[in-house]
């Protein structure tokens, strides 16, 4: 899974040679996976079946946006539920809200089958929003540039010292972007 292309990263870094292509490709995949984990959701578009405990009125799917052109089924205690009558779907945020709740608690009694996430383009890059692409691009560039000074926090010089960001930490701008797309869970 990739959120940006190698050519996007190379353009951002102003690199035209192929010397670091494999390293950059690895960084793109690693940072993309790290972003997906930080967002607490699945980004790659795929058909999924999820099981939820009965007893709530709001449920969050693990992958969105939900593809409304694909099959979407909700069953509660083995009974098919009807969108618009029994529940409301917010496809952009992967939210299912039942008008009257789902009844008393029962484990795994609600089953949702759907297709959600972002499709890949011809280069295998997910078609995520532009700000998520930017977050990945910034973090990949940062980690590429800081790859030789892992663990370095302070540099002392004759005129003073210089503190730098930890190489493994997400950049503040990246954290801010991810916060807007993070899947929040209840309970």
Protein backbone atom coordinates (compact mmCIF):
# COMPACT_ATOMS: atom_id res chain seq x y z
CA UNK A 1 0.00 0.00 0.00
CA UNK A 2 1.35 3.40 -1.01
CA UNK A 3 -0.10 6.85 -0.38
CA UNK A 4 2.32 8.63 -2.73
CA UNK A 5 4.31 7.66 -5.79
CA UNK A 6 8.07 7.44 -6.09
CA UNK A 7 7.97 10.19 -8.75
CA UNK A 8 6.09 12.51 -6.35
CA UNK A 9 8.69 11.98 -3.64
CA UNK A 10 11.60 12.44 -6.05
CA UNK A 11 10.07 15.66 -7.38
CA UNK A 12 9.61 16.96 -3.82
CA UNK A 13 13.22 16.06 -2.95
CA UNK A 14 14.44 17.47 -6.29
CA UNK A 15 16.15 14.17 -7.13
CA UNK A 16 16.52 12.98 -10.70
CA UNK A 17 18.93 10.06 -10.24
CA UNK A 18 17.89 6.50 -9.44
CA UNK A 19 20.50 5.90 -6.74
CA UNK A 20 18.01 5.96 -3.84
CA UNK A 21 14.90 4.63 -5.59
CA UNK A 22 14.75 1.37 -3.60
CA UNK A 23 15.26 3.18 -0.29
CA UNK A 24 12.59 5.75 -1.16
CA UNK A 25 10.17 3.01 -2.26
CA UNK A 26 10.70 1.21 1.07
CA UNK A 27 10.18 4.45 2.99
CA UNK A 28 6.97 5.18 1.07
CA UNK A 29 5.56 1.75 1.98
CA UNK A 30 6.68 1.98 5.62
CA UNK A 31 5.35 5.50 6.17
CA UNK A 32 2.09 4.64 4.36
CA UNK A 33 1.57 1.66 6.69
CA UNK A 34 2.46 3.81 9.71
CA UNK A 35 -0.10 6.42 8.66
CA UNK A 36 -2.76 3.74 8.19
CA UNK A 37 -2.09 2.46 11.74
CA UNK A 38 -2.18 6.01 13.13
CA UNK A 39 -5.53 6.62 11.43
CA UNK A 40 -6.95 3.45 13.05
CA UNK A 41 -8.66 2.44 9.82
CA UNK A 42 -8.12 0.41 6.66
CA UNK A 43 -7.35 2.59 3.65
CA UNK A 44 -7.20 0.05 0.82
CA UNK A 45 -10.52 -0.50 -0.92
CA UNK A 46 -11.78 -4.04 -0.42
CA UNK A 47 -14.93 -5.98 0.40
CA UNK A 48 -15.18 -6.56 4.13
CA UNK A 49 -17.43 -8.29 6.64
CA UNK A 50 -17.42 -6.84 10.13
CA UNK A 51 -19.10 -8.12 13.27
CA UNK A 52 -20.36 -5.84 16.03
CA UNK A 53 -21.94 -6.38 19.41
CA UNK A 54 -25.63 -5.64 19.53
CA UNK A 55 -26.81 -2.99 21.97
CA UNK A 56 -25.58 0.31 20.51
CA UNK A 57 -27.19 2.80 18.16
CA UNK A 58 -24.01 4.00 16.38
CA UNK A 59 -21.36 1.81 14.73
CA UNK A 60 -18.13 2.81 12.97
CA UNK A 61 -16.82 0.77 10.07
CA UNK A 62 -13.09 0.17 9.80
CA UNK A 63 -12.78 1.25 6.15
CA UNK A 64 -14.29 4.28 4.50
CA UNK A 65 -15.44 5.92 2.33
CA UNK A 66 -18.04 3.24 1.73
CA UNK A 67 -18.67 2.39 -1.92
CA UNK A 68 -22.42 2.84 -2.29
CA UNK A 69 -22.40 1.25 -5.76
CA UNK A 70 -21.24 -2.09 -4.27
CA UNK A 71 -23.31 -4.52 -2.20
CA UNK A 72 -24.03 -3.25 1.32
CA UNK A 73 -25.84 -5.54 3.74
CA UNK A 74 -26.66 -5.21 7.41
CA UNK A 75 -28.12 -8.11 9.36
CA UNK A 76 -29.16 -7.96 12.99
CA UNK A 77 -29.84 -11.28 14.71
CA UNK A 78 -30.02 -12.85 11.25
CA UNK A 79 -32.64 -10.37 10.02
CA UNK A 80 -31.82 -8.13 7.06
CA UNK A 81 -32.00 -4.41 7.87
CA UNK A 82 -33.10 -1.72 5.40
CA UNK A 83 -31.12 1.44 4.79
CA UNK A 84 -33.32 4.47 5.30
CA UNK A 85 -35.87 2.60 7.41
CA UNK A 86 -33.80 0.79 10.06
CA UNK A 87 -30.51 2.65 9.84
CA UNK A 88 -28.74 5.63 8.29
CA UNK A 89 -25.38 5.31 6.54
CA UNK A 90 -22.84 8.13 6.35
CA UNK A 91 -20.57 6.68 3.62
CA UNK A 92 -17.87 9.36 3.87
CA UNK A 93 -17.25 8.66 7.57
CA UNK A 94 -18.15 4.97 7.72
CA UNK A 95 -20.90 5.60 10.25
CA UNK A 96 -24.03 3.49 10.68
CA UNK A 97 -26.69 4.89 12.98
CA UNK A 98 -29.80 2.95 13.93
CA UNK A 99 -32.97 4.98 14.44
CA UNK A 100 -34.08 2.97 17.49
CA UNK A 101 -30.88 1.26 18.61
CA UNK A 102 -30.24 -2.43 18.15
CA UNK A 103 -31.79 -3.83 21.33
CA UNK A 104 -30.17 -5.56 24.27
CA UNK A 105 -26.49 -6.46 24.26
CA UNK A 106 -25.52 -9.58 22.37
CA UNK A 107 -22.00 -10.28 21.07
CA UNK A 108 -21.41 -10.28 17.31
CA UNK A 109 -25.14 -10.09 16.53
CA UNK A 110 -24.73 -7.29 13.98
CA UNK A 111 -23.04 -8.22 10.69
CA UNK A 112 -22.13 -5.63 8.06
CA UNK A 113 -20.81 -6.59 4.63
CA UNK A 114 -19.59 -3.72 2.47
CA UNK A 115 -16.83 -2.38 0.27
CA UNK A 116 -14.85 0.49 1.75
CA UNK A 117 -11.58 2.35 1.44
CA UNK A 118 -9.74 4.10 -1.38
CA UNK A 119 -9.09 2.63 -4.82
CA UNK A 120 -5.61 2.40 -6.31
CA UNK A 121 -4.58 4.28 -9.41
CA UNK A 122 -2.64 2.67 -12.28
CA UNK A 123 0.63 3.05 -10.32
CA UNK A 124 -0.67 1.27 -7.22
CA UNK A 125 -1.06 4.49 -5.25
CA UNK A 126 -4.22 4.88 -3.19
CA UNK A 127 -6.43 7.79 -4.23
CA UNK A 128 -6.61 9.34 -0.75
CA UNK A 129 -7.36 13.03 -0.09
CA UNK A 130 -4.60 15.47 -1.01
CA UNK A 131 -3.75 16.34 2.60
CA UNK A 132 -3.08 12.65 3.43
CA UNK A 133 -0.78 12.48 0.40
CA UNK A 134 0.99 15.59 1.69
CA UNK A 135 1.38 14.07 5.15
CA UNK A 136 3.00 10.97 3.66
CA UNK A 137 5.20 13.01 1.36
CA UNK A 138 6.45 15.24 4.20
CA UNK A 139 7.18 12.30 6.49
CA UNK A 140 8.99 10.29 3.78
CA UNK A 141 11.13 13.32 2.85
CA UNK A 142 11.92 13.98 6.52
CA UNK A 143 12.93 10.39 7.20
CA UNK A 144 14.99 10.22 4.01
CA UNK A 145 16.89 13.38 4.89
CA UNK A 146 17.43 12.28 8.51
CA UNK A 147 18.38 8.67 7.76
CA UNK A 148 22.06 9.18 8.64
CA UNK A 149 21.52 10.83 12.01
CA UNK A 150 19.19 8.38 13.72
CA UNK A 151 19.05 9.02 17.45
CA UNK A 152 20.62 12.48 17.16
CA UNK A 153 18.83 15.05 19.31
CA UNK A 154 21.30 17.86 19.93
CA UNK A 155 24.31 19.16 18.04
CA UNK A 156 26.78 21.38 19.92
CA UNK A 157 28.63 24.06 18.00
CA UNK A 158 31.01 26.85 19.06
CA UNK A 159 28.23 29.45 18.85
CA UNK A 160 25.64 27.33 20.70
CA UNK A 161 23.69 24.14 20.31
CA UNK A 162 20.97 23.06 17.96
CA UNK A 163 18.11 20.75 18.92
CA UNK A 164 16.47 18.70 16.21
CA UNK A 165 13.31 16.61 15.94
CA UNK A 166 13.60 12.95 16.80
CA UNK A 167 13.97 10.99 13.56
CA UNK A 168 11.29 8.45 14.47
CA UNK A 169 8.64 10.94 15.52
CA UNK A 170 5.87 12.06 13.20
CA UNK A 171 6.22 15.68 12.18
CA UNK A 172 3.82 18.10 13.91
CA UNK A 173 2.15 19.02 10.59
CA UNK A 174 1.72 15.33 9.78
CA UNK A 175 0.11 14.69 13.18
CA UNK A 176 -2.26 17.61 12.60
CA UNK A 177 -3.32 16.27 9.18
CA UNK A 178 -3.80 12.75 10.52
CA UNK A 179 -5.97 13.99 13.40
CA UNK A 180 -8.56 15.20 10.89
CA UNK A 181 -8.80 11.73 9.28
CA UNK A 182 -8.43 9.49 12.34
CA UNK A 183 -11.15 6.93 13.02
CA UNK A 184 -12.44 7.51 16.50
CA UNK A 185 -13.94 4.58 18.38
CA UNK A 186 -16.49 4.68 21.16
CA UNK A 187 -16.27 2.93 24.49
